[in-house]
C-alpha atoms as a PDB file:
ATOM      1  CA  UNK A   1       0.016   0.099  -0.015  1.00  0.00           C
ATOM      2  CA  UNK A   2       1.379   3.368  -1.027  1.00  0.00           C
ATOM      3  CA  UNK A   3       1.918   6.116   1.570  1.00  0.00           C
ATOM      4  CA  UNK A   4      -1.034   8.219   0.060  1.00  0.00           C
ATOM      5  CA  UNK A   5      -3.343   5.061   0.282  1.00  0.00           C
ATOM      6  CA  UNK A   6      -2.292   4.490   3.967  1.00  0.00           C
ATOM      7  CA  UNK A   7      -2.984   8.213   4.663  1.00  0.00           C
ATOM      8  CA  UNK A   8      -6.308   8.156   2.954  1.00  0.00           C
ATOM      9  CA  UNK A   9      -7.334   4.993   4.908  1.00  0.00           C
ATOM     10  CA  UNK A  10      -6.388   6.773   8.248  1.00  0.00           C
ATOM     11  CA  UNK A  11      -8.355   9.764   7.228  1.00  0.00           C
ATOM     12  CA  UNK A  12     -11.415   7.685   6.488  1.00  0.00           C
ATOM     13  CA  UNK A  13     -11.135   5.942  10.023  1.00  0.00           C
ATOM     14  CA  UNK A  14     -10.630   9.268  11.667  1.00  0.00           C
ATOM     15  CA  UNK A  15     -13.807  10.711   9.800  1.00  0.00           C
ATOM     16  CA  UNK A  16     -15.757   7.451  10.741  1.00  0.00           C
ATOM     17  CA  UNK A  17     -14.658   7.969  14.434  1.00  0.00           C
ATOM     18  CA  UNK A  18     -15.773  11.626  14.416  1.00  0.00           C
ATOM     19  CA  UNK A  19     -19.150  10.622  12.990  1.00  0.00           C
ATOM     20  CA  UNK A  20     -19.450   8.012  15.727  1.00  0.00           C
ATOM     21  CA  UNK A  21     -18.512  10.571  18.325  1.00  0.00           C
ATOM     22  CA  UNK A  22     -21.449  12.805  17.007  1.00  0.00           C
ATOM     23  CA  UNK A  23     -23.837   9.833  17.202  1.00  0.00           C
ATOM     24  CA  UNK A  24     -22.888   8.931  20.861  1.00  0.00           C
ATOM     25  CA  UNK A  25     -23.201  12.632  21.855  1.00  0.00           C
ATOM     26  CA  UNK A  26     -26.828  12.639  20.368  1.00  0.00           C
ATOM     27  CA  UNK A  27     -27.516   9.321  22.100  1.00  0.00           C
ATOM     28  CA  UNK A  28     -26.248  10.630  25.463  1.00  0.00           C
ATOM     29  CA  UNK A  29     -28.728  13.509  25.238  1.00  0.00           C
ATOM     30  CA  UNK A  30     -31.639  11.128  24.995  1.00  0.00           C
ATOM     31  CA  UNK A  31     -30.347   8.484  27.280  1.00  0.00           C
ATOM     32  CA  UNK A  32     -27.816  10.082  29.672  1.00  0.00           C
ATOM     33  CA  UNK A  33     -25.016   7.781  30.819  1.00  0.00           C
ATOM     34  CA  UNK A  34     -25.750   8.858  34.393  1.00  0.00           C
ATOM     35  CA  UNK A  35     -29.256   7.341  34.242  1.00  0.00           C
ATOM     36  CA  UNK A  36     -28.173   4.201  32.666  1.00  0.00           C
ATOM     37  CA  UNK A  37     -25.469   3.717  35.335  1.00  0.00           C
ATOM     38  CA  UNK A  38     -27.929   4.199  38.075  1.00  0.00           C
ATOM     39  CA  UNK A  39     -28.976   0.818  37.396  1.00  0.00           C
ATOM     40  CA  UNK A  40     -25.523  -0.620  37.747  1.00  0.00           C
ATOM     41  CA  UNK A  41     -25.374   0.521  41.335  1.00  0.00           C
ATOM     42  CA  UNK A  42     -21.679   1.571  41.048  1.00  0.00           C
ATOM     43  CA  UNK A  43     -20.157   2.663  44.385  1.00  0.00           C
ATOM     44  CA  UNK A  44     -17.075   4.458  45.579  1.00  0.00           C
ATOM     45  CA  UNK A  45     -13.930   2.410  45.457  1.00  0.00           C
ATOM     46  CA  UNK A  46     -15.395  -0.083  43.030  1.00  0.00           C
ATOM     47  CA  UNK A  47     -13.278  -1.462  40.190  1.00  0.00           C
ATOM     48  CA  UNK A  48     -15.324  -1.226  36.986  1.00  0.00           C
ATOM     49  CA  UNK A  49     -14.618  -2.570  33.538  1.00  0.00           C
ATOM     50  CA  UNK A  50     -16.396  -0.914  30.561  1.00  0.00           C
ATOM     51  CA  UNK A  51     -15.907  -3.411  27.826  1.00  0.00           C
ATOM     52  CA  UNK A  52     -16.473  -1.879  24.348  1.00  0.00           C
ATOM     53  CA  UNK A  53     -16.209   1.631  25.865  1.00  0.00           C
ATOM     54  CA  UNK A  54     -16.218   3.563  22.552  1.00  0.00           C
ATOM     55  CA  UNK A  55     -15.563   7.123  23.238  1.00  0.00           C
ATOM     56  CA  UNK A  56     -16.004   6.566  27.070  1.00  0.00           C
ATOM     57  CA  UNK A  57     -19.582   7.988  27.848  1.00  0.00           C
ATOM     58  CA  UNK A  58     -20.022   5.401  30.594  1.00  0.00           C
ATOM     59  CA  UNK A  59     -16.450   4.918  31.613  1.00  0.00           C
ATOM     60  CA  UNK A  60     -15.983   8.515  32.367  1.00  0.00           C
ATOM     61  CA  UNK A  61     -19.273   8.801  34.465  1.00  0.00           C
ATOM     62  CA  UNK A  62     -18.245   5.583  36.211  1.00  0.00           C
ATOM     63  CA  UNK A  63     -14.823   7.014  36.997  1.00  0.00           C
ATOM     64  CA  UNK A  64     -16.449   9.874  38.825  1.00  0.00           C
ATOM     65  CA  UNK A  65     -18.756   7.564  40.792  1.00  0.00           C
ATOM     66  CA  UNK A  66     -15.836   5.221  41.978  1.00  0.00           C
ATOM     67  CA  UNK A  67     -13.929   8.225  43.157  1.00  0.00           C
ATOM     68  CA  UNK A  68     -10.100   8.532  43.376  1.00  0.00           C
ATOM     69  CA  UNK A  69      -9.854   5.248  45.365  1.00  0.00           C
ATOM     70  CA  UNK A  70     -11.680   3.189  42.688  1.00  0.00           C
ATOM     71  CA  UNK A  71     -10.560   2.321  39.136  1.00  0.00           C
ATOM     72  CA  UNK A  72     -12.215   2.108  35.722  1.00  0.00           C
ATOM     73  CA  UNK A  73     -10.900  -0.002  32.925  1.00  0.00           C
ATOM     74  CA  UNK A  74     -12.020   1.318  29.581  1.00  0.00           C
ATOM     75  CA  UNK A  75     -11.560  -1.569  26.887  1.00  0.00           C
ATOM     76  CA  UNK A  76     -12.122  -1.309  23.210  1.00  0.00           C
ATOM     77  CA  UNK A  77     -10.694  -2.607  19.996  1.00  0.00           C
ATOM     78  CA  UNK A  78     -10.512   0.958  18.406  1.00  0.00           C
ATOM     79  CA  UNK A  79      -7.312   2.774  19.314  1.00  0.00           C
ATOM     80  CA  UNK A  80      -9.048   6.182  18.329  1.00  0.00           C
ATOM     81  CA  UNK A  81     -11.644   5.531  20.981  1.00  0.00           C
ATOM     82  CA  UNK A  82      -9.036   4.676  23.579  1.00  0.00           C
ATOM     83  CA  UNK A  83      -7.196   7.910  22.764  1.00  0.00           C
ATOM     84  CA  UNK A  84     -10.323   9.967  23.044  1.00  0.00           C
ATOM     85  CA  UNK A  85     -11.087   8.417  26.490  1.00  0.00           C
ATOM     86  CA  UNK A  86      -7.475   9.134  27.722  1.00  0.00           C
ATOM     87  CA  UNK A  87      -7.660  12.781  26.483  1.00  0.00           C
ATOM     88  CA  UNK A  88     -11.115  13.381  27.989  1.00  0.00           C
ATOM     89  CA  UNK A  89     -10.181  11.667  31.358  1.00  0.00           C
ATOM     90  CA  UNK A  90      -7.058  13.914  31.460  1.00  0.00           C
ATOM     91  CA  UNK A  91      -9.087  17.064  30.603  1.00  0.00           C
ATOM     92  CA  UNK A  92     -11.592  16.220  33.534  1.00  0.00           C
ATOM     93  CA  UNK A  93      -8.777  15.511  35.980  1.00  0.00           C
ATOM     94  CA  UNK A  94      -9.730  11.766  36.264  1.00  0.00           C
ATOM     95  CA  UNK A  95      -6.622   9.784  37.206  1.00  0.00           C
ATOM     96  CA  UNK A  96      -8.499   6.579  37.841  1.00  0.00           C
ATOM     97  CA  UNK A  97      -9.098   5.556  34.246  1.00  0.00           C
ATOM     98  CA  UNK A  98      -6.928   2.967  32.431  1.00  0.00           C
ATOM     99  CA  UNK A  99      -7.509   2.059  28.794  1.00  0.00           C
ATOM    100  CA  UNK A 100      -7.130  -1.492  27.444  1.00  0.00           C
ATOM    101  CA  UNK A 101      -6.721  -2.271  23.793  1.00  0.00           C
ATOM    102  CA  UNK A 102      -8.353  -5.649  23.140  1.00  0.00           C
ATOM    103  CA  UNK A 103     -10.768  -7.719  21.150  1.00  0.00           C
ATOM    104  CA  UNK A 104     -11.283 -10.170  24.028  1.00  0.00           C
ATOM    105  CA  UNK A 105      -8.632 -10.715  26.720  1.00  0.00           C
ATOM    106  CA  UNK A 106      -8.205  -7.715  29.113  1.00  0.00           C
ATOM    107  CA  UNK A 107      -5.048  -8.815  30.949  1.00  0.00           C
ATOM    108  CA  UNK A 108      -6.737  -7.941  34.196  1.00  0.00           C
ATOM    109  CA  UNK A 109      -6.477 -10.319  37.281  1.00  0.00           C
ATOM    110  CA  UNK A 110      -9.151 -12.806  37.756  1.00  0.00           C
ATOM    111  CA  UNK A 111     -11.805 -11.972  40.451  1.00  0.00           C
ATOM    112  CA  UNK A 112     -10.720  -8.251  40.413  1.00  0.00           C
ATOM    113  CA  UNK A 113     -13.693  -6.261  39.120  1.00  0.00           C
ATOM    114  CA  UNK A 114     -16.885  -5.433  40.845  1.00  0.00           C
ATOM    115  CA  UNK A 115     -18.984  -4.305  37.930  1.00  0.00           C
ATOM    116  CA  UNK A 116     -18.523  -4.998  34.182  1.00  0.00           C
ATOM    117  CA  UNK A 117     -20.474  -2.842  31.673  1.00  0.00           C
ATOM    118  CA  UNK A 118     -21.324  -4.227  28.387  1.00  0.00           C
ATOM    119  CA  UNK A 119     -23.460  -1.674  26.512  1.00  0.00           C
ATOM    120  CA  UNK A 120     -24.550  -1.848  22.930  1.00  0.00           C
ATOM    121  CA  UNK A 121     -21.445  -3.908  21.969  1.00  0.00           C
ATOM    122  CA  UNK A 122     -22.405  -7.565  22.192  1.00  0.00           C
ATOM    123  CA  UNK A 123     -24.186  -7.721  18.793  1.00  0.00           C
ATOM    124  CA  UNK A 124     -20.973  -6.476  17.103  1.00  0.00           C
ATOM    125  CA  UNK A 125     -18.470  -8.870  18.818  1.00  0.00           C
ATOM    126  CA  UNK A 126     -16.328 -11.159  16.680  1.00  0.00           C
ATOM    127  CA  UNK A 127     -16.298 -13.780  19.409  1.00  0.00           C
ATOM    128  CA  UNK A 128     -19.010 -13.005  22.101  1.00  0.00           C
ATOM    129  CA  UNK A 129     -18.481 -16.329  23.986  1.00  0.00           C
ATOM    130  CA  UNK A 130     -14.817 -15.387  24.522  1.00  0.00           C
ATOM    131  CA  UNK A 131     -15.789 -11.996  25.844  1.00  0.00           C
ATOM    132  CA  UNK A 132     -18.390 -13.322  28.234  1.00  0.00           C
ATOM    133  CA  UNK A 133     -15.844 -15.907  29.442  1.00  0.00           C
ATOM    134  CA  UNK A 134     -13.366 -13.077  30.021  1.00  0.00           C
ATOM    135  CA  UNK A 135     -15.938 -10.864  31.901  1.00  0.00           C
ATOM    136  CA  UNK A 136     -16.788 -13.800  33.989  1.00  0.00           C
ATOM    137  CA  UNK A 137     -13.102 -14.396  34.700  1.00  0.00           C
ATOM    138  CA  UNK A 138     -12.494 -10.878  35.804  1.00  0.00           C
ATOM    139  CA  UNK A 139     -15.595 -10.358  37.938  1.00  0.00           C
ATOM    140  CA  UNK A 140     -15.347 -10.995  41.653  1.00  0.00           C
ATOM    141  CA  UNK A 141     -17.656 -13.816  42.803  1.00  0.00           C
ATOM    142  CA  UNK A 142     -21.124 -12.245  42.900  1.00  0.00           C
ATOM    143  CA  UNK A 143     -19.887  -9.367  40.708  1.00  0.00           C
ATOM    144  CA  UNK A 144     -22.248  -7.683  38.443  1.00  0.00           C
ATOM    145  CA  UNK A 145     -22.546  -7.666  34.512  1.00  0.00           C
ATOM    146  CA  UNK A 146     -24.671  -4.604  33.549  1.00  0.00           C
ATOM    147  CA  UNK A 147     -25.892  -5.402  30.022  1.00  0.00           C
ATOM    148  CA  UNK A 148     -27.746  -3.534  27.357  1.00  0.00           C
ATOM    149  CA  UNK A 149     -27.942  -3.987  23.623  1.00  0.00           C
ATOM    150  CA  UNK A 150     -30.752  -2.398  21.695  1.00  0.00           C
ATOM    151  CA  UNK A 151     -30.071  -4.644  18.674  1.00  0.00           C
ATOM    152  CA  UNK A 152     -31.140  -7.690  20.620  1.00  0.00           C
ATOM    153  CA  UNK A 153     -34.561  -8.923  21.971  1.00  0.00           C
ATOM    154  CA  UNK A 154     -34.932  -9.901  25.524  1.00  0.00           C
ATOM    155  CA  UNK A 155     -35.135 -13.649  24.877  1.00  0.00           C
ATOM    156  CA  UNK A 156     -31.889 -13.501  22.807  1.00  0.00           C
ATOM    157  CA  UNK A 157     -30.161 -11.575  25.625  1.00  0.00           C
ATOM    158  CA  UNK A 158     -31.195 -14.018  28.354  1.00  0.00           C
ATOM    159  CA  UNK A 159     -30.147 -17.038  26.052  1.00  0.00           C
ATOM    160  CA  UNK A 160     -26.827 -15.463  25.174  1.00  0.00           C
ATOM    161  CA  UNK A 161     -25.740 -14.137  28.574  1.00  0.00           C
ATOM    162  CA  UNK A 162     -27.357 -16.513  31.052  1.00  0.00           C
ATOM    163  CA  UNK A 163     -27.398 -19.579  28.804  1.00  0.00           C
ATOM    164  CA  UNK A 164     -23.673 -20.560  29.377  1.00  0.00           C
ATOM    165  CA  UNK A 165     -24.194 -20.974  33.094  1.00  0.00           C
ATOM    166  CA  UNK A 166     -21.704 -18.154  34.009  1.00  0.00           C
ATOM    167  CA  UNK A 167     -24.361 -15.519  34.739  1.00  0.00           C
ATOM    168  CA  UNK A 168     -27.824 -15.504  36.118  1.00  0.00           C
ATOM    169  CA  UNK A 169     -30.251 -12.636  35.749  1.00  0.00           C
ATOM    170  CA  UNK A 170     -30.655 -10.615  38.841  1.00  0.00           C
ATOM    171  CA  UNK A 171     -33.055  -7.953  37.650  1.00  0.00           C
ATOM    172  CA  UNK A 172     -34.283  -6.149  34.570  1.00  0.00           C
ATOM    173  CA  UNK A 173     -34.195  -2.369  34.832  1.00  0.00           C
ATOM    174  CA  UNK A 174     -35.664   0.177  32.495  1.00  0.00           C
ATOM    175  CA  UNK A 175     -32.502   0.477  30.479  1.00  0.00           C
ATOM    176  CA  UNK A 176     -30.256  -2.544  31.489  1.00  0.00           C
ATOM    177  CA  UNK A 177     -30.199  -6.187  32.537  1.00  0.00           C
ATOM    178  CA  UNK A 178     -28.269  -6.984  35.638  1.00  0.00           C
ATOM    179  CA  UNK A 179     -26.653 -10.272  35.603  1.00  0.00           C
ATOM    180  CA  UNK A 180     -24.636 -11.772  38.575  1.00  0.00           C
ATOM    181  CA  UNK A 181     -21.492 -13.969  38.064  1.00  0.00           C
ATOM    182  CA  UNK A 182     -22.177 -17.502  39.304  1.00  0.00           C
END
């Protein structure tokens, strides 16, 4: 690939990401991340993994909720998204956000996360079984998986997430499903 072609491809990816950012800003106006995260019941000092964090709408609000003694891991396959999360966290003075570039494994210790967020990502995963296995691995016993994906029907969500025996449905909220690691 020539230098010009590589540059054009990067420009297209950057433009795509800027359009994605715009879409998420519109989404966040109609469904504020604060309201969605209310259902996840995130507390101070928690360790939270936002898997498929995109531009960080949920990760950044979670970082404020866990406070300086907590930690938020923002995981995504897109390096542009992760750069955006880092830049935004720095601008807001949030020092408790760590980004993870991944398409499955996070590199986190097992049984180390209180809450995992999997919002509007599952339908797009290359290997969803691998991701659910990884989330189960990193969640503490009894840890919470807060799940939402508007591309999926309720029956499909329950089959996919709880069907493998790793998670059981704890409650259905207005915006999310809360599963507990078993």
